[in-house]
């Protein structure tokens, strides 16, 4: 009986960690948020950065919803039915005009409720999107680590 209680408490405790980590709303100043969202990559052209960004999103389980190579823009979604949410990601890739082959990447992550059927739909039948910006540093670090790894793989080929 004690083992059963321990197993259920252990499971409940660690199952809730993932949903809590997405829902953290840590108050951060604008500069701290910008530093979470932005990284600079050298020896990378804009076209290479777009290809790496698309591959990284797909590797992380996102579905690409919109892309514009001339603007350096990628938008992707990841559905999390277990947490009843959609993670919306926008990656903007900006070449630095003062430095050759240097790209500034800015990632924006937000969540919106995930609805199935008609629950939560408004009168026009459209789903409400009360999106909330994610400020969890771990999520940004995971993306940029995967992005950096993809760059290294691309250079090795």
N, C-alpha and C. Protein backbone atom coordinates (compact mmCIF):
# COMPACT_ATOMS: atom_id res chain seq x y z
N UNK A 1 0.83 -1.20 0.00
CA UNK A 1 0.00 0.00 0.00
C UNK A 1 0.87 1.26 0.00
N UNK A 2 1.96 1.23 0.81
CA UNK A 2 2.85 2.39 0.86
C UNK A 2 3.52 2.61 -0.49
N UNK A 3 3.89 1.52 -1.16
CA UNK A 3 4.52 1.63 -2.46
C UNK A 3 3.55 2.24 -3.47
N UNK A 4 2.28 1.85 -3.42
CA UNK A 4 1.27 2.38 -4.31
C UNK A 4 1.10 3.89 -4.10
N UNK A 5 1.04 4.33 -2.83
CA UNK A 5 0.91 5.76 -2.52
C UNK A 5 2.12 6.52 -3.02
N UNK A 6 3.32 5.96 -2.80
CA UNK A 6 4.54 6.62 -3.25
C UNK A 6 4.56 6.76 -4.77
N UNK A 7 4.17 5.68 -5.47
CA UNK A 7 4.17 5.71 -6.93
C UNK A 7 3.17 6.74 -7.46
N UNK A 8 2.00 6.82 -6.84
CA UNK A 8 1.01 7.78 -7.33
C UNK A 8 1.42 9.21 -7.02
N UNK A 9 2.01 9.45 -5.86
CA UNK A 9 2.48 10.80 -5.53
C UNK A 9 3.63 11.18 -6.45
N UNK A 10 4.55 10.25 -6.69
CA UNK A 10 5.69 10.49 -7.57
C UNK A 10 5.20 10.84 -8.98
N UNK A 11 4.24 10.06 -9.49
CA UNK A 11 3.70 10.29 -10.82
C UNK A 11 2.99 11.63 -10.90
N UNK A 12 2.15 11.94 -9.93
CA UNK A 12 1.42 13.21 -9.95
C UNK A 12 2.37 14.39 -9.85
N UNK A 13 3.40 14.27 -9.06
CA UNK A 13 4.35 15.36 -8.89
C UNK A 13 5.10 15.64 -10.18
N UNK A 14 5.63 14.61 -10.82
CA UNK A 14 6.45 14.83 -11.99
C UNK A 14 5.66 15.02 -13.27
N UNK A 15 4.42 14.59 -13.31
CA UNK A 15 3.58 14.86 -14.48
C UNK A 15 3.18 16.32 -14.53
N UNK A 16 3.06 16.96 -13.39
CA UNK A 16 2.63 18.35 -13.37
C UNK A 16 3.78 19.31 -13.64
N UNK A 17 5.01 18.85 -13.57
CA UNK A 17 6.16 19.75 -13.78
C UNK A 17 6.17 20.30 -15.19
N UNK A 18 5.89 19.46 -16.20
CA UNK A 18 5.95 19.95 -17.57
C UNK A 18 4.92 21.04 -17.82
N UNK A 19 3.71 20.88 -17.31
CA UNK A 19 2.70 21.91 -17.56
C UNK A 19 3.01 23.17 -16.77
N UNK A 20 3.60 23.04 -15.60
CA UNK A 20 3.97 24.22 -14.83
C UNK A 20 5.08 24.99 -15.52
N UNK A 21 6.04 24.28 -16.12
CA UNK A 21 7.16 24.97 -16.74
C UNK A 21 6.71 25.81 -17.93
N UNK A 22 5.64 25.42 -18.64
CA UNK A 22 5.14 26.22 -19.74
C UNK A 22 4.31 27.39 -19.23
N UNK A 23 3.68 27.22 -18.09
CA UNK A 23 2.74 28.23 -17.61
C UNK A 23 3.38 29.27 -16.71
N UNK A 24 4.69 29.18 -16.46
CA UNK A 24 5.32 30.16 -15.59
C UNK A 24 5.20 31.55 -16.20
N UNK A 25 4.82 32.49 -15.39
CA UNK A 25 4.74 33.87 -15.85
C UNK A 25 5.63 34.71 -14.95
N UNK A 26 6.91 34.51 -15.10
CA UNK A 26 7.87 35.22 -14.28
C UNK A 26 7.95 36.66 -14.75
N UNK A 27 7.77 37.62 -13.86
CA UNK A 27 7.90 39.01 -14.29
C UNK A 27 9.36 39.32 -14.62
N UNK A 28 9.60 39.68 -15.87
CA UNK A 28 10.95 40.01 -16.32
C UNK A 28 10.94 41.38 -16.97
N UNK A 29 12.00 42.15 -16.81
CA UNK A 29 12.08 43.42 -17.52
C UNK A 29 12.24 43.18 -19.03
N UNK A 30 11.92 44.18 -19.81
CA UNK A 30 11.96 44.06 -21.27
C UNK A 30 13.33 43.64 -21.78
N UNK A 31 14.38 44.18 -21.20
CA UNK A 31 15.73 43.85 -21.64
C UNK A 31 16.05 42.38 -21.40
N UNK A 32 15.60 41.84 -20.28
CA UNK A 32 15.83 40.42 -19.98
C UNK A 32 15.06 39.53 -20.95
N UNK A 33 13.85 39.92 -21.30
CA UNK A 33 13.06 39.16 -22.26
C UNK A 33 13.74 39.19 -23.62
N UNK A 34 14.22 40.36 -24.03
CA UNK A 34 14.90 40.49 -25.32
C UNK A 34 16.16 39.62 -25.36
N UNK A 35 16.90 39.56 -24.26
CA UNK A 35 18.12 38.74 -24.25
C UNK A 35 17.79 37.25 -24.29
N UNK A 36 16.64 36.85 -23.73
CA UNK A 36 16.20 35.46 -23.84
C UNK A 36 15.88 35.09 -25.29
N UNK A 37 15.26 36.03 -25.99
CA UNK A 37 14.73 35.77 -27.31
C UNK A 37 15.74 35.93 -28.44
N UNK A 38 16.88 36.55 -28.20
CA UNK A 38 17.78 36.94 -29.28
C UNK A 38 19.14 36.27 -29.16
N UNK A 39 19.64 35.79 -30.31
CA UNK A 39 20.99 35.25 -30.40
C UNK A 39 21.61 35.71 -31.72
N UNK A 40 22.92 35.81 -31.73
CA UNK A 40 23.65 36.19 -32.94
C UNK A 40 24.48 35.00 -33.41
N UNK A 41 24.42 34.74 -34.72
CA UNK A 41 25.15 33.62 -35.31
C UNK A 41 26.05 34.15 -36.42
N UNK A 42 27.31 33.71 -36.40
CA UNK A 42 28.28 34.16 -37.40
C UNK A 42 28.49 33.06 -38.45
N UNK A 43 29.09 33.47 -39.56
CA UNK A 43 29.39 32.56 -40.68
C UNK A 43 28.14 31.82 -41.15
N UNK A 44 27.07 32.58 -41.30
CA UNK A 44 25.79 32.00 -41.70
C UNK A 44 25.05 32.99 -42.59
N UNK A 45 24.68 32.55 -43.79
CA UNK A 45 23.91 33.43 -44.67
C UNK A 45 22.43 33.36 -44.29
N UNK A 46 21.67 34.28 -44.84
CA UNK A 46 20.23 34.32 -44.53
C UNK A 46 19.53 33.07 -45.03
N UNK A 47 19.89 32.61 -46.24
CA UNK A 47 19.26 31.41 -46.79
C UNK A 47 19.60 30.17 -45.96
N UNK A 48 20.85 30.08 -45.51
CA UNK A 48 21.23 28.96 -44.64
C UNK A 48 20.46 29.02 -43.32
N UNK A 49 20.31 30.22 -42.78
CA UNK A 49 19.60 30.39 -41.51
C UNK A 49 18.13 29.98 -41.64
N UNK A 50 17.51 30.32 -42.77
CA UNK A 50 16.11 29.92 -43.00
C UNK A 50 16.01 28.39 -43.04
N UNK A 51 16.92 27.75 -43.79
CA UNK A 51 16.89 26.28 -43.89
C UNK A 51 17.12 25.64 -42.53
N UNK A 52 18.05 26.17 -41.76
CA UNK A 52 18.33 25.63 -40.42
C UNK A 52 17.14 25.87 -39.49
N UNK A 53 16.52 27.04 -39.58
CA UNK A 53 15.35 27.34 -38.76
C UNK A 53 14.18 26.40 -39.05
N UNK A 54 13.92 26.15 -40.32
CA UNK A 54 12.85 25.22 -40.70
C UNK A 54 13.14 23.81 -40.17
N UNK A 55 14.38 23.36 -40.34
CA UNK A 55 14.76 22.02 -39.87
C UNK A 55 14.66 21.92 -38.36
N UNK A 56 15.07 22.98 -37.66
CA UNK A 56 15.03 22.96 -36.19
C UNK A 56 13.60 22.88 -35.68
N UNK A 57 12.71 23.69 -36.25
CA UNK A 57 11.31 23.62 -35.85
C UNK A 57 10.74 22.22 -36.07
N UNK A 58 11.03 21.65 -37.23
CA UNK A 58 10.50 20.31 -37.52
C UNK A 58 11.10 19.26 -36.59
N UNK A 59 12.38 19.38 -36.29
CA UNK A 59 13.02 18.44 -35.36
C UNK A 59 12.41 18.52 -33.97
N UNK A 60 11.96 19.70 -33.57
CA UNK A 60 11.38 19.88 -32.24
C UNK A 60 9.87 19.59 -32.21
N UNK A 61 9.32 19.13 -33.32
CA UNK A 61 7.92 18.72 -33.34
C UNK A 61 6.94 19.83 -33.68
N UNK A 62 7.42 20.93 -34.25
CA UNK A 62 6.54 22.02 -34.65
C UNK A 62 6.05 21.79 -36.07
N UNK A 63 4.91 22.37 -36.39
CA UNK A 63 4.38 22.36 -37.75
C UNK A 63 4.55 23.76 -38.30
N UNK A 64 5.21 23.87 -39.44
CA UNK A 64 5.45 25.18 -40.06
C UNK A 64 4.13 25.67 -40.64
N UNK A 65 3.72 26.88 -40.25
CA UNK A 65 2.45 27.43 -40.74
C UNK A 65 2.66 28.56 -41.74
N UNK A 66 3.79 29.23 -41.67
CA UNK A 66 4.04 30.36 -42.56
C UNK A 66 5.54 30.61 -42.64
N UNK A 67 6.00 30.97 -43.82
CA UNK A 67 7.41 31.30 -43.97
C UNK A 67 7.59 32.31 -45.09
N UNK A 68 8.56 33.18 -44.93
CA UNK A 68 8.89 34.16 -45.96
C UNK A 68 10.41 34.32 -45.97
N UNK A 69 11.04 33.74 -46.98
CA UNK A 69 12.50 33.82 -47.08
C UNK A 69 12.99 35.26 -47.28
N UNK A 70 12.36 36.07 -48.13
CA UNK A 70 12.85 37.44 -48.29
C UNK A 70 12.78 38.27 -47.00
N UNK A 71 11.77 37.99 -46.18
CA UNK A 71 11.64 38.73 -44.93
C UNK A 71 12.39 38.07 -43.77
N UNK A 72 12.83 36.83 -43.96
CA UNK A 72 13.52 36.11 -42.89
C UNK A 72 12.59 35.76 -41.75
N UNK A 73 11.43 35.23 -42.09
CA UNK A 73 10.35 35.02 -41.13
C UNK A 73 9.86 33.57 -41.19
N UNK A 74 9.77 32.91 -40.04
CA UNK A 74 9.20 31.56 -39.95
C UNK A 74 8.22 31.54 -38.79
N UNK A 75 7.03 31.01 -39.05
CA UNK A 75 6.02 30.87 -38.00
C UNK A 75 5.65 29.40 -37.92
N UNK A 76 5.57 28.87 -36.69
CA UNK A 76 5.26 27.46 -36.49
C UNK A 76 4.41 27.28 -35.24
N UNK A 77 3.67 26.17 -35.20
CA UNK A 77 2.83 25.83 -34.05
C UNK A 77 3.14 24.42 -33.58
N UNK A 78 2.96 24.20 -32.31
CA UNK A 78 3.06 22.87 -31.73
C UNK A 78 1.85 22.66 -30.84
N UNK A 79 1.07 21.63 -31.13
CA UNK A 79 -0.12 21.34 -30.35
C UNK A 79 0.26 20.49 -29.15
N UNK A 80 -0.21 20.91 -27.98
CA UNK A 80 0.03 20.17 -26.74
C UNK A 80 -1.32 19.80 -26.13
N UNK A 81 -2.00 18.75 -26.67
CA UNK A 81 -3.32 18.40 -26.14
C UNK A 81 -3.29 17.98 -24.68
N UNK A 82 -2.16 17.42 -24.23
CA UNK A 82 -2.06 17.02 -22.83
C UNK A 82 -2.12 18.22 -21.89
N UNK A 83 -1.63 19.36 -22.35
CA UNK A 83 -1.68 20.59 -21.56
C UNK A 83 -2.81 21.52 -22.01
N UNK A 84 -3.60 21.09 -23.02
CA UNK A 84 -4.69 21.87 -23.57
C UNK A 84 -4.21 23.24 -24.08
N UNK A 85 -3.10 23.22 -24.84
CA UNK A 85 -2.57 24.47 -25.36
C UNK A 85 -1.87 24.26 -26.70
N UNK A 86 -1.68 25.37 -27.38
CA UNK A 86 -0.89 25.42 -28.61
C UNK A 86 0.28 26.35 -28.33
N UNK A 87 1.48 25.91 -28.65
CA UNK A 87 2.64 26.78 -28.54
C UNK A 87 2.86 27.39 -29.92
N UNK A 88 2.86 28.72 -29.97
CA UNK A 88 3.07 29.44 -31.22
C UNK A 88 4.47 30.02 -31.20
N UNK A 89 5.23 29.77 -32.26
CA UNK A 89 6.61 30.24 -32.33
C UNK A 89 6.80 31.08 -33.58
N UNK A 90 7.52 32.17 -33.43
CA UNK A 90 7.88 33.02 -34.55
C UNK A 90 9.38 33.26 -34.49
N UNK A 91 10.07 32.93 -35.58
CA UNK A 91 11.51 33.15 -35.67
C UNK A 91 11.76 34.19 -36.75
N UNK A 92 12.45 35.26 -36.37
CA UNK A 92 12.82 36.31 -37.30
C UNK A 92 14.33 36.30 -37.45
N UNK A 93 14.80 36.24 -38.69
CA UNK A 93 16.23 36.18 -38.98
C UNK A 93 16.64 37.45 -39.71
N UNK A 94 17.51 38.23 -39.09
CA UNK A 94 17.89 39.53 -39.63
C UNK A 94 19.39 39.55 -39.88
N UNK A 95 19.81 39.75 -41.15
CA UNK A 95 21.24 39.86 -41.42
C UNK A 95 21.79 41.18 -40.88
N UNK A 96 22.99 41.14 -40.34
CA UNK A 96 23.64 42.34 -39.82
C UNK A 96 24.39 43.02 -40.96
N UNK A 97 23.98 44.24 -41.35
CA UNK A 97 24.62 44.89 -42.49
C UNK A 97 26.08 45.30 -42.22
N UNK A 98 26.45 45.42 -40.96
CA UNK A 98 27.82 45.83 -40.64
C UNK A 98 28.79 44.66 -40.57
N UNK A 99 28.26 43.44 -40.43
CA UNK A 99 29.11 42.25 -40.34
C UNK A 99 28.71 41.27 -41.44
N UNK A 100 29.70 40.77 -42.16
CA UNK A 100 29.45 39.84 -43.24
C UNK A 100 29.06 38.46 -42.69
N UNK A 101 28.01 37.86 -43.25
CA UNK A 101 27.53 36.53 -42.85
C UNK A 101 27.24 36.42 -41.36
N UNK A 102 26.59 37.42 -40.80
CA UNK A 102 26.16 37.38 -39.41
C UNK A 102 24.65 37.58 -39.37
N UNK A 103 23.99 36.69 -38.66
CA UNK A 103 22.53 36.72 -38.57
C UNK A 103 22.12 36.90 -37.12
N UNK A 104 21.17 37.79 -36.89
CA UNK A 104 20.55 37.91 -35.57
C UNK A 104 19.22 37.18 -35.62
N UNK A 105 19.05 36.20 -34.74
CA UNK A 105 17.83 35.40 -34.69
C UNK A 105 17.04 35.80 -33.45
N UNK A 106 15.75 36.07 -33.66
CA UNK A 106 14.87 36.40 -32.53
C UNK A 106 13.69 35.44 -32.54
N UNK A 107 13.54 34.74 -31.44
CA UNK A 107 12.47 33.76 -31.28
C UNK A 107 11.43 34.30 -30.31
N UNK A 108 10.18 34.21 -30.72
CA UNK A 108 9.07 34.63 -29.87
C UNK A 108 8.19 33.42 -29.64
N UNK A 109 7.95 33.07 -28.38
CA UNK A 109 7.11 31.92 -28.03
C UNK A 109 5.90 32.40 -27.24
N UNK A 110 4.73 31.88 -27.59
CA UNK A 110 3.53 32.19 -26.83
C UNK A 110 2.63 30.96 -26.81
N UNK A 111 1.69 30.96 -25.89
CA UNK A 111 0.72 29.87 -25.80
C UNK A 111 -0.68 30.41 -26.01
N UNK A 112 -1.52 29.56 -26.54
CA UNK A 112 -2.93 29.89 -26.70
C UNK A 112 -3.72 28.64 -26.33
N UNK A 113 -4.93 28.80 -25.84
CA UNK A 113 -5.73 27.63 -25.48
C UNK A 113 -6.02 26.76 -26.70
N UNK A 114 -6.08 25.48 -26.49
CA UNK A 114 -6.39 24.51 -27.54
C UNK A 114 -7.83 24.05 -27.32
N UNK A 115 -8.68 24.27 -28.31
CA UNK A 115 -10.08 23.90 -28.19
C UNK A 115 -10.41 22.80 -29.18
N UNK A 116 -11.22 21.87 -28.75
CA UNK A 116 -11.74 20.85 -29.65
C UNK A 116 -13.25 21.03 -29.72
N UNK A 117 -13.81 20.83 -30.88
CA UNK A 117 -15.25 20.98 -31.03
C UNK A 117 -15.65 22.44 -30.91
N UNK A 118 -16.80 22.68 -30.29
CA UNK A 118 -17.32 24.04 -30.21
C UNK A 118 -17.04 24.71 -28.88
N UNK A 119 -16.38 24.01 -27.97
CA UNK A 119 -16.13 24.63 -26.67
C UNK A 119 -15.22 25.85 -26.84
N UNK A 120 -15.64 26.95 -26.32
CA UNK A 120 -14.83 28.15 -26.36
C UNK A 120 -14.89 28.93 -27.66
N UNK A 121 -15.66 28.47 -28.65
CA UNK A 121 -15.74 29.20 -29.91
C UNK A 121 -16.62 30.44 -29.73
N UNK A 122 -16.29 31.51 -30.46
CA UNK A 122 -17.11 32.71 -30.36
C UNK A 122 -18.28 32.63 -31.34
N UNK A 123 -19.07 33.68 -31.44
CA UNK A 123 -20.29 33.63 -32.26
C UNK A 123 -20.00 33.42 -33.74
N UNK A 124 -18.87 33.88 -34.22
CA UNK A 124 -18.53 33.71 -35.63
C UNK A 124 -17.95 32.33 -35.90
N UNK A 125 -17.83 31.51 -34.88
CA UNK A 125 -17.28 30.17 -35.05
C UNK A 125 -15.77 30.14 -35.02
N UNK A 126 -15.15 31.29 -34.78
CA UNK A 126 -13.69 31.34 -34.72
C UNK A 126 -13.25 31.12 -33.28
N UNK A 127 -12.11 30.50 -33.14
CA UNK A 127 -11.60 30.24 -31.81
C UNK A 127 -10.97 31.49 -31.21
N UNK A 128 -11.25 31.75 -29.95
CA UNK A 128 -10.60 32.89 -29.31
C UNK A 128 -9.12 32.58 -29.09
N UNK A 129 -8.28 33.54 -29.24
CA UNK A 129 -6.84 33.34 -29.07
C UNK A 129 -6.31 34.31 -28.04
N UNK A 130 -6.45 33.93 -26.79
CA UNK A 130 -5.88 34.74 -25.72
C UNK A 130 -4.45 34.24 -25.51
N UNK A 131 -3.56 34.66 -26.39
CA UNK A 131 -2.20 34.14 -26.29
C UNK A 131 -1.43 34.86 -25.20
N UNK A 132 -0.52 34.11 -24.60
CA UNK A 132 0.32 34.60 -23.52
C UNK A 132 1.77 34.33 -23.88
N UNK A 133 2.61 35.35 -23.78
CA UNK A 133 4.02 35.17 -24.10
C UNK A 133 4.68 34.26 -23.08
N UNK A 134 5.48 33.31 -23.57
CA UNK A 134 6.23 32.43 -22.68
C UNK A 134 7.53 33.10 -22.28
N UNK A 135 7.81 33.08 -21.00
CA UNK A 135 9.02 33.72 -20.48
C UNK A 135 9.92 32.70 -19.79
N UNK A 136 9.73 31.42 -20.09
CA UNK A 136 10.52 30.37 -19.47
C UNK A 136 11.86 30.27 -20.19
N UNK A 137 12.97 30.61 -19.54
CA UNK A 137 14.28 30.60 -20.21
C UNK A 137 14.65 29.24 -20.81
N UNK A 138 14.24 28.17 -20.17
CA UNK A 138 14.61 26.82 -20.63
C UNK A 138 14.12 26.56 -22.05
N UNK A 139 12.93 27.02 -22.39
CA UNK A 139 12.37 26.78 -23.72
C UNK A 139 13.18 27.49 -24.80
N UNK A 140 13.57 28.73 -24.54
CA UNK A 140 14.39 29.48 -25.49
C UNK A 140 15.77 28.85 -25.62
N UNK A 141 16.35 28.44 -24.50
CA UNK A 141 17.66 27.80 -24.52
C UNK A 141 17.62 26.50 -25.31
N UNK A 142 16.56 25.71 -25.14
CA UNK A 142 16.44 24.46 -25.88
C UNK A 142 16.39 24.72 -27.39
N UNK A 143 15.61 25.71 -27.80
CA UNK A 143 15.51 26.00 -29.23
C UNK A 143 16.85 26.45 -29.78
N UNK A 144 17.49 27.41 -29.12
CA UNK A 144 18.74 27.94 -29.65
C UNK A 144 19.86 26.91 -29.60
N UNK A 145 19.82 25.99 -28.65
CA UNK A 145 20.81 24.91 -28.62
C UNK A 145 20.61 23.99 -29.83
N UNK A 146 19.36 23.65 -30.11
CA UNK A 146 19.06 22.82 -31.28
C UNK A 146 19.42 23.55 -32.57
N UNK A 147 19.16 24.86 -32.62
CA UNK A 147 19.50 25.68 -33.78
C UNK A 147 21.02 25.69 -33.99
N UNK A 148 21.78 25.87 -32.93
CA UNK A 148 23.25 25.86 -33.02
C UNK A 148 23.77 24.50 -33.47
N UNK A 149 23.19 23.43 -32.94
CA UNK A 149 23.59 22.08 -33.35
C UNK A 149 23.31 21.85 -34.83
N UNK A 150 22.18 22.33 -35.31
CA UNK A 150 21.83 22.18 -36.73
C UNK A 150 22.80 22.96 -37.61
N UNK A 151 23.25 24.13 -37.14
CA UNK A 151 24.24 24.90 -37.90
C UNK A 151 25.54 24.12 -38.00
N UNK A 152 25.98 23.54 -36.90
CA UNK A 152 27.22 22.76 -36.91
C UNK A 152 27.11 21.56 -37.85
N UNK A 153 25.97 20.89 -37.84
CA UNK A 153 25.76 19.76 -38.75
C UNK A 153 25.79 20.21 -40.21
N UNK A 154 25.16 21.36 -40.48
CA UNK A 154 25.13 21.88 -41.85
C UNK A 154 26.54 22.23 -42.32
N UNK A 155 27.35 22.81 -41.44
CA UNK A 155 28.73 23.16 -41.80
C UNK A 155 29.58 21.91 -42.02
N UNK A 156 29.30 20.84 -41.27
CA UNK A 156 30.08 19.61 -41.39
C UNK A 156 29.80 18.89 -42.71
N UNK A 157 28.62 19.12 -43.28
CA UNK A 157 28.27 18.44 -44.53
C UNK A 157 28.84 19.11 -45.71
